[in-house]
Amino acid sequence: MIQSSLEWLSLFPELAQLDQHAKEILAKFARIVEAPIGTIGYREGMPCGAYVMRLAGKSRVYKMSTSGREILLYRVGAGETCVITTTCLLGDSDYPASTIVEEPIRDVLIPANAFHQLMIDSAVFRKFVMTNYGALISDLIVLLDEVAFHSLNARLAKVLLDANNATITRTHQQIADELGTAREVVSRQLKRLELKGAVSLGRGHIEITDRKTLEKMALA
């Protein structure tokens, strides 16, 4: 019975060596939830009640300014956890940011009391949590470095290149949200890139026409 209810553990090979006691806690308290695109997972200021382990789908974690401007912090995909959720659980604090579902998600939720018990009782679970936490903190430091020390042009070029596709089906507003700037600023910069021959702008999509130019800009 326990084995069948914990089949999702196969997506997290780092937990393969969990002992029987830890598995019993997970089998008793962990639950699987699903949510469609557009669902708000949590909002800034909400209390954190559970540890999240993503089985499928993708969500965007973002910070909103008082003026309504948004900046992307990171995304959580299959096989990943949420660094802000971990921070809130470890520090007994409310969420400092918000999240929204971008692709239909399927998550394992471990209630806070069970999470803390596993952190005390299971060295395997504790190592998994802290290893993921450390990796995600490193990603946030990279974001901080980009925002503080790289020009908007360089960051925009990197966003376009990271799409790994010659055709990018994203609106100027979505790109602006990711960069933490205004839509008008992104539209202006994209128009300049079009004049340089680096991109071609269409309704609802952007075509990359000169990847090398963008690569040089991303390094600036």
N, C-alpha and C. Protein backbone atom coordinates (compact mmCIF):
# COMPACT_ATOMS: atom_id res chain seq x y z
N MET A 1 0.84 -1.20 0.00
CA MET A 1 0.00 0.00 0.00
C MET A 1 0.87 1.25 0.00
N ILE A 2 1.88 1.29 0.89
CA ILE A 2 2.77 2.44 0.96
C ILE A 2 3.51 2.61 -0.36
N GLN A 3 3.99 1.50 -0.91
CA GLN A 3 4.76 1.56 -2.15
C GLN A 3 3.94 2.17 -3.28
N SER A 4 2.67 1.74 -3.43
CA SER A 4 1.83 2.23 -4.52
C SER A 4 1.50 3.70 -4.34
N SER A 5 1.38 4.17 -3.10
CA SER A 5 1.02 5.57 -2.86
C SER A 5 2.22 6.50 -3.00
N LEU A 6 3.42 5.93 -3.12
CA LEU A 6 4.63 6.74 -3.23
C LEU A 6 5.34 6.55 -4.57
N GLU A 7 4.60 6.18 -5.59
CA GLU A 7 5.21 5.97 -6.90
C GLU A 7 5.84 7.26 -7.44
N TRP A 8 5.31 8.41 -7.00
CA TRP A 8 5.84 9.69 -7.46
C TRP A 8 7.29 9.92 -7.04
N LEU A 9 7.76 9.19 -6.03
CA LEU A 9 9.15 9.35 -5.57
C LEU A 9 10.17 9.04 -6.66
N SER A 10 9.77 8.27 -7.66
CA SER A 10 10.70 7.91 -8.73
C SER A 10 11.17 9.13 -9.51
N LEU A 11 10.42 10.22 -9.43
CA LEU A 11 10.81 11.44 -10.13
C LEU A 11 11.91 12.19 -9.37
N PHE A 12 12.17 11.75 -8.15
CA PHE A 12 13.20 12.38 -7.33
C PHE A 12 14.19 11.32 -6.86
N PRO A 13 15.13 10.93 -7.73
CA PRO A 13 16.05 9.83 -7.41
C PRO A 13 16.89 10.08 -6.16
N GLU A 14 17.06 11.34 -5.78
CA GLU A 14 17.83 11.64 -4.57
C GLU A 14 17.15 11.08 -3.31
N LEU A 15 15.86 10.76 -3.42
CA LEU A 15 15.12 10.24 -2.27
C LEU A 15 14.97 8.72 -2.29
N ALA A 16 15.72 8.07 -3.18
CA ALA A 16 15.60 6.62 -3.33
C ALA A 16 15.96 5.87 -2.05
N GLN A 17 16.83 6.46 -1.23
CA GLN A 17 17.29 5.78 -0.02
C GLN A 17 16.51 6.17 1.24
N LEU A 18 15.34 6.74 1.08
CA LEU A 18 14.52 7.09 2.25
C LEU A 18 14.24 5.84 3.09
N ASP A 19 14.31 5.99 4.39
CA ASP A 19 14.03 4.84 5.25
C ASP A 19 12.52 4.64 5.40
N GLN A 20 12.14 3.55 5.99
CA GLN A 20 10.74 3.18 6.10
C GLN A 20 9.93 4.20 6.89
N HIS A 21 10.52 4.75 7.94
CA HIS A 21 9.81 5.72 8.77
C HIS A 21 9.45 6.96 7.95
N ALA A 22 10.41 7.46 7.15
CA ALA A 22 10.17 8.64 6.32
C ALA A 22 9.09 8.34 5.27
N LYS A 23 9.14 7.16 4.69
CA LYS A 23 8.14 6.79 3.69
C LYS A 23 6.74 6.72 4.33
N GLU A 24 6.68 6.26 5.55
CA GLU A 24 5.38 6.19 6.23
C GLU A 24 4.81 7.58 6.49
N ILE A 25 5.68 8.53 6.82
CA ILE A 25 5.24 9.91 7.02
C ILE A 25 4.70 10.47 5.72
N LEU A 26 5.42 10.25 4.62
CA LEU A 26 4.99 10.75 3.32
C LEU A 26 3.68 10.09 2.89
N ALA A 27 3.58 8.79 3.08
CA ALA A 27 2.37 8.08 2.68
C ALA A 27 1.15 8.57 3.46
N LYS A 28 1.37 8.96 4.71
CA LYS A 28 0.27 9.40 5.56
C LYS A 28 -0.15 10.84 5.29
N PHE A 29 0.83 11.73 5.07
CA PHE A 29 0.51 13.15 5.03
C PHE A 29 0.59 13.81 3.64
N ALA A 30 1.46 13.32 2.76
CA ALA A 30 1.61 13.97 1.45
C ALA A 30 0.38 13.74 0.59
N ARG A 31 0.03 14.75 -0.19
CA ARG A 31 -1.10 14.60 -1.10
C ARG A 31 -0.75 15.22 -2.46
N ILE A 32 -1.39 14.70 -3.48
CA ILE A 32 -1.14 15.18 -4.84
C ILE A 32 -2.28 16.11 -5.26
N VAL A 33 -1.90 17.28 -5.81
CA VAL A 33 -2.90 18.25 -6.26
C VAL A 33 -2.59 18.64 -7.71
N GLU A 34 -3.60 19.09 -8.40
CA GLU A 34 -3.44 19.56 -9.78
C GLU A 34 -4.07 20.92 -9.93
N ALA A 35 -3.56 21.70 -10.89
CA ALA A 35 -4.12 23.03 -11.13
C ALA A 35 -3.91 23.43 -12.59
N PRO A 36 -4.88 24.12 -13.17
CA PRO A 36 -4.78 24.53 -14.58
C PRO A 36 -4.00 25.83 -14.76
N ILE A 37 -3.74 26.17 -16.01
CA ILE A 37 -3.06 27.42 -16.35
C ILE A 37 -3.83 28.61 -15.76
N GLY A 38 -3.10 29.56 -15.20
CA GLY A 38 -3.71 30.76 -14.65
C GLY A 38 -4.00 30.70 -13.17
N THR A 39 -3.85 29.51 -12.58
CA THR A 39 -4.10 29.37 -11.14
C THR A 39 -3.02 30.10 -10.33
N ILE A 40 -3.44 30.85 -9.33
CA ILE A 40 -2.50 31.49 -8.42
C ILE A 40 -2.14 30.50 -7.32
N GLY A 41 -0.89 30.07 -7.28
CA GLY A 41 -0.47 29.09 -6.28
C GLY A 41 -0.40 29.71 -4.89
N TYR A 42 0.20 30.88 -4.82
CA TYR A 42 0.23 31.66 -3.57
C TYR A 42 0.47 33.11 -3.92
N ARG A 43 0.07 33.99 -3.02
CA ARG A 43 0.27 35.42 -3.20
C ARG A 43 1.19 35.95 -2.12
N GLU A 44 1.85 37.04 -2.42
CA GLU A 44 2.73 37.69 -1.44
C GLU A 44 1.93 38.02 -0.18
N GLY A 45 2.50 37.66 0.97
CA GLY A 45 1.84 37.93 2.24
C GLY A 45 1.05 36.76 2.80
N MET A 46 0.80 35.73 1.97
CA MET A 46 0.08 34.56 2.45
C MET A 46 0.98 33.68 3.32
N PRO A 47 0.42 32.99 4.31
CA PRO A 47 1.22 32.04 5.10
C PRO A 47 1.54 30.81 4.27
N CYS A 48 2.66 30.18 4.56
CA CYS A 48 3.10 28.98 3.84
C CYS A 48 2.73 27.75 4.65
N GLY A 49 1.98 26.84 4.02
CA GLY A 49 1.50 25.69 4.77
C GLY A 49 2.04 24.35 4.33
N ALA A 50 2.82 24.31 3.23
CA ALA A 50 3.26 23.00 2.74
C ALA A 50 4.49 23.13 1.85
N TYR A 51 5.30 22.08 1.83
CA TYR A 51 6.45 21.96 0.94
C TYR A 51 5.95 21.45 -0.40
N VAL A 52 6.48 22.01 -1.50
CA VAL A 52 5.99 21.68 -2.84
C VAL A 52 7.05 20.91 -3.62
N MET A 53 6.64 19.78 -4.20
CA MET A 53 7.50 19.00 -5.08
C MET A 53 6.75 18.84 -6.40
N ARG A 54 7.32 19.40 -7.48
CA ARG A 54 6.62 19.46 -8.76
C ARG A 54 6.78 18.15 -9.54
N LEU A 55 5.66 17.54 -9.90
CA LEU A 55 5.66 16.31 -10.69
C LEU A 55 5.53 16.59 -12.18
N ALA A 56 4.76 17.62 -12.52
CA ALA A 56 4.56 17.96 -13.93
C ALA A 56 4.11 19.41 -14.03
N GLY A 57 4.35 20.02 -15.21
CA GLY A 57 3.91 21.38 -15.44
C GLY A 57 4.95 22.42 -15.05
N LYS A 58 4.51 23.68 -15.09
CA LYS A 58 5.44 24.78 -14.82
C LYS A 58 4.70 25.97 -14.24
N SER A 59 5.33 26.66 -13.30
CA SER A 59 4.76 27.88 -12.74
C SER A 59 5.83 28.96 -12.69
N ARG A 60 5.37 30.21 -12.66
CA ARG A 60 6.27 31.36 -12.63
C ARG A 60 6.17 32.01 -11.25
N VAL A 61 7.33 32.23 -10.63
CA VAL A 61 7.39 32.92 -9.34
C VAL A 61 7.85 34.34 -9.61
N TYR A 62 7.10 35.32 -9.13
CA TYR A 62 7.41 36.71 -9.46
C TYR A 62 7.18 37.64 -8.27
N LYS A 63 7.79 38.81 -8.37
CA LYS A 63 7.65 39.85 -7.36
C LYS A 63 6.96 41.04 -8.00
N MET A 64 5.97 41.61 -7.31
CA MET A 64 5.22 42.74 -7.83
C MET A 64 5.54 43.99 -7.01
N SER A 65 5.84 45.09 -7.72
CA SER A 65 6.12 46.36 -7.03
C SER A 65 4.82 47.04 -6.67
N THR A 66 4.89 48.10 -5.84
CA THR A 66 3.69 48.83 -5.45
C THR A 66 3.03 49.51 -6.64
N SER A 67 3.81 49.77 -7.68
CA SER A 67 3.26 50.42 -8.87
C SER A 67 2.65 49.41 -9.85
N GLY A 68 2.74 48.12 -9.50
CA GLY A 68 2.15 47.09 -10.35
C GLY A 68 3.12 46.47 -11.34
N ARG A 69 4.39 46.85 -11.27
CA ARG A 69 5.38 46.28 -12.18
C ARG A 69 5.85 44.93 -11.64
N GLU A 70 6.00 43.98 -12.54
CA GLU A 70 6.34 42.61 -12.16
C GLU A 70 7.74 42.26 -12.64
N ILE A 71 8.46 41.43 -11.85
CA ILE A 71 9.73 40.88 -12.31
C ILE A 71 9.76 39.39 -12.01
N LEU A 72 10.18 38.63 -13.00
CA LEU A 72 10.30 37.18 -12.83
C LEU A 72 11.47 36.86 -11.91
N LEU A 73 11.23 35.99 -10.93
CA LEU A 73 12.31 35.52 -10.06
C LEU A 73 12.86 34.19 -10.57
N TYR A 74 11.98 33.25 -10.85
CA TYR A 74 12.38 31.95 -11.39
C TYR A 74 11.13 31.17 -11.77
N ARG A 75 11.34 30.03 -12.42
CA ARG A 75 10.24 29.13 -12.74
C ARG A 75 10.48 27.79 -12.06
N VAL A 76 9.40 27.09 -11.75
CA VAL A 76 9.48 25.77 -11.13
C VAL A 76 8.89 24.75 -12.10
N GLY A 77 9.73 23.79 -12.53
CA GLY A 77 9.29 22.77 -13.47
C GLY A 77 9.27 21.39 -12.84
N ALA A 78 8.98 20.38 -13.65
CA ALA A 78 8.90 18.99 -13.17
C ALA A 78 10.23 18.55 -12.56
N GLY A 79 10.14 17.87 -11.41
CA GLY A 79 11.32 17.39 -10.72
C GLY A 79 11.99 18.44 -9.85
N GLU A 80 11.37 19.61 -9.73
CA GLU A 80 11.96 20.72 -8.96
C GLU A 80 11.12 21.07 -7.73
N THR A 81 11.70 21.88 -6.87
CA THR A 81 10.99 22.40 -5.70
C THR A 81 11.01 23.93 -5.77
N CYS A 82 10.36 24.57 -4.82
CA CYS A 82 10.24 26.03 -4.83
C CYS A 82 11.08 26.62 -3.70
N VAL A 83 12.09 27.42 -4.05
CA VAL A 83 13.02 27.94 -3.05
C VAL A 83 12.33 28.88 -2.07
N ILE A 84 11.37 29.67 -2.54
CA ILE A 84 10.69 30.60 -1.64
C ILE A 84 9.83 29.84 -0.63
N THR A 85 9.19 28.76 -1.10
CA THR A 85 8.41 27.93 -0.18
C THR A 85 9.32 27.33 0.89
N THR A 86 10.47 26.83 0.47
CA THR A 86 11.43 26.27 1.44
C THR A 86 11.88 27.33 2.43
N THR A 87 12.18 28.53 1.93
CA THR A 87 12.61 29.63 2.79
C THR A 87 11.55 29.95 3.83
N CYS A 88 10.29 30.01 3.40
CA CYS A 88 9.20 30.34 4.32
C CYS A 88 9.01 29.26 5.38
N LEU A 89 9.13 27.99 4.98
CA LEU A 89 8.98 26.90 5.94
C LEU A 89 10.12 26.90 6.96
N LEU A 90 11.34 27.09 6.47
CA LEU A 90 12.50 27.07 7.38
C LEU A 90 12.51 28.29 8.29
N GLY A 91 12.04 29.43 7.79
CA GLY A 91 12.06 30.66 8.59
C GLY A 91 10.74 31.01 9.24
N ASP A 92 9.73 30.14 9.05
CA ASP A 92 8.39 30.39 9.61
C ASP A 92 7.89 31.79 9.23
N SER A 93 7.94 32.09 7.94
CA SER A 93 7.56 33.41 7.45
C SER A 93 6.52 33.30 6.34
N ASP A 94 5.89 34.43 6.01
CA ASP A 94 4.90 34.46 4.93
C ASP A 94 5.61 34.57 3.59
N TYR A 95 4.87 34.29 2.52
CA TYR A 95 5.45 34.36 1.18
C TYR A 95 5.84 35.81 0.84
N PRO A 96 7.06 36.02 0.35
CA PRO A 96 7.49 37.36 -0.05
C PRO A 96 7.27 37.63 -1.53
N ALA A 97 6.64 36.69 -2.23
CA ALA A 97 6.41 36.82 -3.67
C ALA A 97 5.15 36.04 -4.02
N SER A 98 4.82 35.97 -5.31
CA SER A 98 3.62 35.27 -5.78
C SER A 98 3.99 34.29 -6.87
N THR A 99 3.06 33.37 -7.16
CA THR A 99 3.31 32.41 -8.23
C THR A 99 2.02 32.15 -9.01
N ILE A 100 2.17 31.89 -10.32
CA ILE A 100 1.03 31.60 -11.18
C ILE A 100 1.39 30.44 -12.11
N VAL A 101 0.43 29.59 -12.39
CA VAL A 101 0.66 28.41 -13.22
C VAL A 101 0.73 28.81 -14.70
N GLU A 102 1.80 28.39 -15.38
CA GLU A 102 1.98 28.65 -16.81
C GLU A 102 1.65 27.43 -17.66
N GLU A 103 1.89 26.23 -17.13
CA GLU A 103 1.52 24.97 -17.77
C GLU A 103 0.83 24.14 -16.69
N PRO A 104 -0.25 23.41 -17.01
CA PRO A 104 -0.98 22.64 -16.00
C PRO A 104 -0.03 21.86 -15.09
N ILE A 105 -0.19 22.02 -13.79
CA ILE A 105 0.75 21.41 -12.84
C ILE A 105 0.14 20.23 -12.08
N ARG A 106 1.04 19.39 -11.63
CA ARG A 106 0.70 18.28 -10.72
C ARG A 106 1.78 18.28 -9.66
N ASP A 107 1.38 18.54 -8.41
CA ASP A 107 2.33 18.71 -7.32
C ASP A 107 2.08 17.73 -6.18
N VAL A 108 3.15 17.42 -5.47
CA VAL A 108 3.04 16.76 -4.18
C VAL A 108 3.18 17.83 -3.12
N LEU A 109 2.21 17.91 -2.21
CA LEU A 109 2.27 18.86 -1.11
C LEU A 109 2.50 18.10 0.20
N ILE A 110 3.53 18.52 0.92
CA ILE A 110 3.85 17.93 2.22
C ILE A 110 3.54 18.99 3.27
N PRO A 111 2.51 18.78 4.11
CA PRO A 111 2.14 19.77 5.12
C PRO A 111 3.32 20.17 6.00
N ALA A 112 3.30 21.40 6.48
CA ALA A 112 4.42 21.95 7.24
C ALA A 112 4.84 21.06 8.41
N ASN A 113 3.88 20.52 9.16
CA ASN A 113 4.25 19.70 10.32
C ASN A 113 4.99 18.44 9.90
N ALA A 114 4.54 17.82 8.79
CA ALA A 114 5.21 16.61 8.28
C ALA A 114 6.59 16.97 7.72
N PHE A 115 6.67 18.11 7.04
CA PHE A 115 7.96 18.58 6.49
C PHE A 115 8.98 18.74 7.62
N HIS A 116 8.59 19.41 8.69
CA HIS A 116 9.53 19.64 9.79
C HIS A 116 9.92 18.33 10.48
N GLN A 117 8.99 17.39 10.56
CA GLN A 117 9.30 16.10 11.15
C GLN A 117 10.31 15.35 10.29
N LEU A 118 10.13 15.39 8.98
CA LEU A 118 11.06 14.74 8.08
C LEU A 118 12.45 15.39 8.13
N MET A 119 12.50 16.70 8.27
CA MET A 119 13.78 17.40 8.37
C MET A 119 14.55 16.96 9.62
N ILE A 120 13.83 16.62 10.67
CA ILE A 120 14.46 16.16 11.92
C ILE A 120 14.85 14.68 11.83
N ASP A 121 13.94 13.87 11.30
CA ASP A 121 14.10 12.42 11.36
C ASP A 121 14.91 11.81 10.22
N SER A 122 14.90 12.44 9.04
CA SER A 122 15.48 11.81 7.86
C SER A 122 16.65 12.60 7.29
N ALA A 123 17.84 12.02 7.39
CA ALA A 123 19.03 12.67 6.82
C ALA A 123 18.93 12.74 5.30
N VAL A 124 18.32 11.74 4.67
CA VAL A 124 18.17 11.71 3.22
C VAL A 124 17.26 12.84 2.75
N PHE A 125 16.13 13.00 3.43
CA PHE A 125 15.20 14.06 3.06
C PHE A 125 15.82 15.43 3.34
N ARG A 126 16.49 15.56 4.45
CA ARG A 126 17.13 16.83 4.82
C ARG A 126 18.18 17.24 3.78
N LYS A 127 18.97 16.29 3.34
CA LYS A 127 19.99 16.58 2.32
C LYS A 127 19.34 16.98 1.00
N PHE A 128 18.26 16.30 0.63
CA PHE A 128 17.53 16.64 -0.60
C PHE A 128 17.03 18.08 -0.56
N VAL A 129 16.40 18.44 0.54
CA VAL A 129 15.85 19.80 0.68
C VAL A 129 16.95 20.85 0.61
N MET A 130 18.02 20.64 1.36
CA MET A 130 19.07 21.67 1.44
C MET A 130 19.88 21.75 0.15
N THR A 131 20.07 20.62 -0.55
CA THR A 131 20.79 20.64 -1.82
C THR A 131 20.01 21.43 -2.86
N ASN A 132 18.70 21.17 -2.94
CA ASN A 132 17.85 21.91 -3.87
C ASN A 132 17.77 23.38 -3.49
N TYR A 133 17.70 23.64 -2.22
CA TYR A 133 17.63 25.02 -1.72
C TYR A 133 18.89 25.79 -2.12
N GLY A 134 20.05 25.17 -1.94
CA GLY A 134 21.31 25.82 -2.29
C GLY A 134 21.42 26.11 -3.78
N ALA A 135 20.98 25.16 -4.61
CA ALA A 135 21.04 25.34 -6.06
C ALA A 135 20.14 26.48 -6.50
N LEU A 136 18.95 26.56 -5.92
CA LEU A 136 18.01 27.61 -6.31
C LEU A 136 18.45 28.98 -5.82
N ILE A 137 19.07 29.04 -4.66
CA ILE A 137 19.62 30.31 -4.16
C ILE A 137 20.69 30.80 -5.12
N SER A 138 21.51 29.89 -5.63
CA SER A 138 22.53 30.27 -6.62
C SER A 138 21.89 30.88 -7.86
N ASP A 139 20.76 30.31 -8.30
CA ASP A 139 20.05 30.85 -9.46
C ASP A 139 19.56 32.27 -9.18
N LEU A 140 19.09 32.52 -7.96
CA LEU A 140 18.61 33.85 -7.61
C LEU A 140 19.76 34.86 -7.57
N ILE A 141 20.93 34.41 -7.16
CA ILE A 141 22.10 35.29 -7.16
C ILE A 141 22.49 35.66 -8.58
N VAL A 142 22.36 34.70 -9.50
CA VAL A 142 22.62 34.99 -10.91
C VAL A 142 21.63 36.05 -11.41
N LEU A 143 20.36 35.92 -11.02
CA LEU A 143 19.35 36.92 -11.41
C LEU A 143 19.72 38.29 -10.86
N LEU A 144 20.12 38.34 -9.60
CA LEU A 144 20.51 39.61 -8.99
C LEU A 144 21.68 40.23 -9.74
N ASP A 145 22.64 39.40 -10.13
CA ASP A 145 23.79 39.88 -10.89
C ASP A 145 23.35 40.48 -12.22
N GLU A 146 22.42 39.80 -12.89
CA GLU A 146 21.95 40.29 -14.19
C GLU A 146 21.22 41.62 -14.06
N VAL A 147 20.35 41.72 -13.05
CA VAL A 147 19.57 42.94 -12.87
C VAL A 147 20.47 44.11 -12.47
N ALA A 148 21.45 43.84 -11.60
CA ALA A 148 22.28 44.91 -11.07
C ALA A 148 23.40 45.34 -12.01
N PHE A 149 23.96 44.42 -12.77
CA PHE A 149 25.19 44.71 -13.50
C PHE A 149 25.10 44.60 -15.02
N HIS A 150 23.98 44.14 -15.55
CA HIS A 150 23.85 44.00 -17.00
C HIS A 150 22.82 44.98 -17.54
N SER A 151 23.06 45.49 -18.73
CA SER A 151 22.14 46.44 -19.35
C SER A 151 20.85 45.74 -19.74
N LEU A 152 19.79 46.53 -19.92
CA LEU A 152 18.51 45.98 -20.34
C LEU A 152 18.65 45.31 -21.71
N ASN A 153 19.46 45.90 -22.59
CA ASN A 153 19.68 45.31 -23.91
C ASN A 153 20.26 43.90 -23.80
N ALA A 154 21.24 43.74 -22.92
CA ALA A 154 21.88 42.44 -22.74
C ALA A 154 20.89 41.43 -22.16
N ARG A 155 20.09 41.86 -21.22
CA ARG A 155 19.11 40.96 -20.59
C ARG A 155 18.00 40.58 -21.58
N LEU A 156 17.59 41.55 -22.41
CA LEU A 156 16.59 41.27 -23.42
C LEU A 156 17.12 40.26 -24.43
N ALA A 157 18.35 40.45 -24.88
CA ALA A 157 18.96 39.51 -25.82
C ALA A 157 19.02 38.11 -25.23
N LYS A 158 19.34 38.02 -23.94
CA LYS A 158 19.44 36.72 -23.28
C LYS A 158 18.06 36.04 -23.20
N VAL A 159 17.03 36.82 -22.91
CA VAL A 159 15.68 36.26 -22.86
C VAL A 159 15.28 35.70 -24.21
N LEU A 160 15.59 36.41 -25.27
CA LEU A 160 15.26 35.93 -26.62
C LEU A 160 16.03 34.67 -26.96
N LEU A 161 17.31 34.65 -26.61
CA LEU A 161 18.14 33.48 -26.91
C LEU A 161 17.74 32.27 -26.08
N ASP A 162 17.34 32.50 -24.83
CA ASP A 162 16.97 31.39 -23.94
C ASP A 162 15.71 30.67 -24.39
N ALA A 163 14.95 31.28 -25.28
CA ALA A 163 13.74 30.63 -25.78
C ALA A 163 14.09 29.40 -26.63
N ASN A 164 15.35 29.36 -27.13
CA ASN A 164 15.82 28.21 -27.93
C ASN A 164 14.90 27.92 -29.11
N ASN A 165 14.43 28.97 -29.73
CA ASN A 165 13.54 28.82 -30.88
C ASN A 165 13.67 30.06 -31.75
N ALA A 166 13.65 29.88 -33.05
CA ALA A 166 13.75 31.02 -33.96
C ALA A 166 12.49 31.87 -33.91
N THR A 167 11.35 31.26 -33.55
CA THR A 167 10.09 31.99 -33.42
C THR A 167 9.67 32.00 -31.95
N ILE A 168 9.49 33.19 -31.41
CA ILE A 168 9.13 33.34 -30.00
C ILE A 168 7.71 33.87 -29.92
N THR A 169 6.81 33.06 -29.39
CA THR A 169 5.39 33.46 -29.30
C THR A 169 5.10 34.01 -27.91
N ARG A 170 5.61 35.19 -27.67
CA ARG A 170 5.37 35.87 -26.39
C ARG A 170 5.07 37.33 -26.67
N THR A 171 4.23 37.91 -25.85
CA THR A 171 3.89 39.32 -26.04
C THR A 171 4.99 40.21 -25.45
N HIS A 172 5.00 41.47 -25.86
CA HIS A 172 5.96 42.42 -25.31
C HIS A 172 5.74 42.58 -23.81
N GLN A 173 4.48 42.49 -23.37
CA GLN A 173 4.18 42.62 -21.94
C GLN A 173 4.76 41.45 -21.16
N GLN A 174 4.67 40.26 -21.69
CA GLN A 174 5.22 39.09 -20.99
C GLN A 174 6.73 39.20 -20.85
N ILE A 175 7.39 39.69 -21.90
CA ILE A 175 8.84 39.87 -21.84
C ILE A 175 9.18 40.97 -20.84
N ALA A 176 8.39 42.04 -20.84
CA ALA A 176 8.61 43.14 -19.90
C ALA A 176 8.47 42.65 -18.46
N ASP A 177 7.48 41.80 -18.21
CA ASP A 177 7.29 41.26 -16.85
C ASP A 177 8.51 40.45 -16.42
N GLU A 178 9.05 39.68 -17.34
CA GLU A 178 10.22 38.86 -17.02
C GLU A 178 11.44 39.72 -16.70
N LEU A 179 11.55 40.86 -17.38
CA LEU A 179 12.70 41.74 -17.20
C LEU A 179 12.48 42.78 -16.10
N GLY A 180 11.25 42.89 -15.62
CA GLY A 180 10.97 43.86 -14.58
C GLY A 180 10.98 45.29 -15.08
N THR A 181 10.47 45.49 -16.29
CA THR A 181 10.44 46.84 -16.87
C THR A 181 9.07 47.07 -17.52
N ALA A 182 8.90 48.21 -18.18
CA ALA A 182 7.62 48.55 -18.80
C ALA A 182 7.53 47.99 -20.21
N ARG A 183 6.30 47.70 -20.64
CA ARG A 183 6.08 47.17 -21.99
C ARG A 183 6.61 48.12 -23.05
N GLU A 184 6.40 49.42 -22.83
CA GLU A 184 6.85 50.41 -23.81
C GLU A 184 8.36 50.36 -24.01
N VAL A 185 9.09 50.10 -22.93
CA VAL A 185 10.55 50.02 -23.01
C VAL A 185 10.97 48.82 -23.85
N VAL A 186 10.32 47.68 -23.60
CA VAL A 186 10.63 46.47 -24.37
C VAL A 186 10.28 46.66 -25.84
N SER A 187 9.13 47.24 -26.12
CA SER A 187 8.72 47.47 -27.51
C SER A 187 9.73 48.36 -28.22
N ARG A 188 10.21 49.37 -27.52
CA ARG A 188 11.18 50.28 -28.13
C ARG A 188 12.50 49.58 -28.43
N GLN A 189 12.94 48.75 -27.48
CA GLN A 189 14.20 48.03 -27.67
C GLN A 189 14.08 46.99 -28.78
N LEU A 190 12.94 46.32 -28.85
CA LEU A 190 12.72 45.33 -29.91
C LEU A 190 12.69 46.00 -31.28
N LYS A 191 12.11 47.19 -31.35
CA LYS A 191 12.08 47.91 -32.61
C LYS A 191 13.49 48.26 -33.07
N ARG A 192 14.35 48.63 -32.10
CA ARG A 192 15.74 48.92 -32.43
C ARG A 192 16.46 47.66 -32.92
N LEU A 193 16.15 46.53 -32.29
CA LEU A 193 16.75 45.27 -32.75
C LEU A 193 16.27 44.92 -34.16
N GLU A 194 15.02 45.24 -34.45
CA GLU A 194 14.51 44.98 -35.79
C GLU A 194 15.23 45.85 -36.82
N LEU A 195 15.47 47.10 -36.47
CA LEU A 195 16.19 48.00 -37.39
C LEU A 195 17.62 47.52 -37.64
N LYS A 196 18.19 46.83 -36.64
CA LYS A 196 19.54 46.27 -36.79
C LYS A 196 19.53 44.96 -37.58
N GLY A 197 18.34 44.41 -37.81
CA GLY A 197 18.24 43.16 -38.54
C GLY A 197 18.36 41.93 -37.67
N ALA A 198 18.34 42.12 -36.34
CA ALA A 198 18.49 40.99 -35.43
C ALA A 198 17.20 40.21 -35.24
N VAL A 199 16.05 40.90 -35.34
CA VAL A 199 14.76 40.25 -35.17
C VAL A 199 13.77 40.82 -36.18
N SER A 200 12.67 40.09 -36.36
CA SER A 200 11.56 40.56 -37.18
C SER A 200 10.31 40.46 -36.31
N LEU A 201 9.59 41.56 -36.17
CA LEU A 201 8.45 41.62 -35.27
C LEU A 201 7.14 41.37 -36.01
N GLY A 202 6.30 40.50 -35.44
CA GLY A 202 4.98 40.22 -35.99
C GLY A 202 3.94 40.32 -34.89
N ARG A 203 2.69 40.12 -35.23
CA ARG A 203 1.64 40.17 -34.22
C ARG A 203 1.69 38.92 -33.33
N GLY A 204 2.08 39.12 -32.06
CA GLY A 204 2.12 38.01 -31.11
C GLY A 204 3.34 37.13 -31.22
N HIS A 205 4.30 37.49 -32.08
CA HIS A 205 5.50 36.66 -32.17
C HIS A 205 6.70 37.50 -32.59
N ILE A 206 7.89 36.95 -32.32
CA ILE A 206 9.16 37.58 -32.67
C ILE A 206 10.01 36.55 -33.38
N GLU A 207 10.54 36.89 -34.53
CA GLU A 207 11.43 36.00 -35.28
C GLU A 207 12.87 36.45 -35.08
N ILE A 208 13.73 35.52 -34.66
CA ILE A 208 15.15 35.83 -34.56
C ILE A 208 15.77 35.64 -35.95
N THR A 209 16.33 36.72 -36.48
CA THR A 209 16.90 36.68 -37.84
C THR A 209 18.42 36.77 -37.85
N ASP A 210 19.00 37.21 -36.73
CA ASP A 210 20.46 37.30 -36.64
C ASP A 210 20.88 36.94 -35.22
N ARG A 211 21.08 35.64 -35.01
CA ARG A 211 21.39 35.13 -33.66
C ARG A 211 22.74 35.64 -33.16
N LYS A 212 23.69 35.80 -34.05
CA LYS A 212 25.03 36.22 -33.64
C LYS A 212 25.02 37.63 -33.02
N THR A 213 24.19 38.50 -33.59
CA THR A 213 24.07 39.86 -33.03
C THR A 213 23.54 39.80 -31.61
N LEU A 214 22.52 38.96 -31.39
CA LEU A 214 21.96 38.81 -30.06
C LEU A 214 22.96 38.22 -29.08
N GLU A 215 23.76 37.26 -29.56
CA GLU A 215 24.76 36.64 -28.69
C GLU A 215 25.82 37.66 -28.25
N LYS A 216 26.20 38.55 -29.15
CA LYS A 216 27.16 39.60 -28.79
C LYS A 216 26.54 40.56 -27.77
N MET A 217 25.28 40.90 -27.96
CA MET A 217 24.60 41.80 -27.02
C MET A 217 24.46 41.17 -25.64
N ALA A 218 24.17 39.87 -25.60
CA ALA A 218 23.96 39.18 -24.32
C ALA A 218 25.22 39.17 -23.48
N LEU A 219 26.38 39.27 -24.12
CA LEU A 219 27.66 39.25 -23.41
C LEU A 219 28.12 40.64 -22.99
N ALA A 220 27.41 41.66 -23.45
CA ALA A 220 27.83 43.05 -23.17
C ALA A 220 27.60 43.44 -21.72
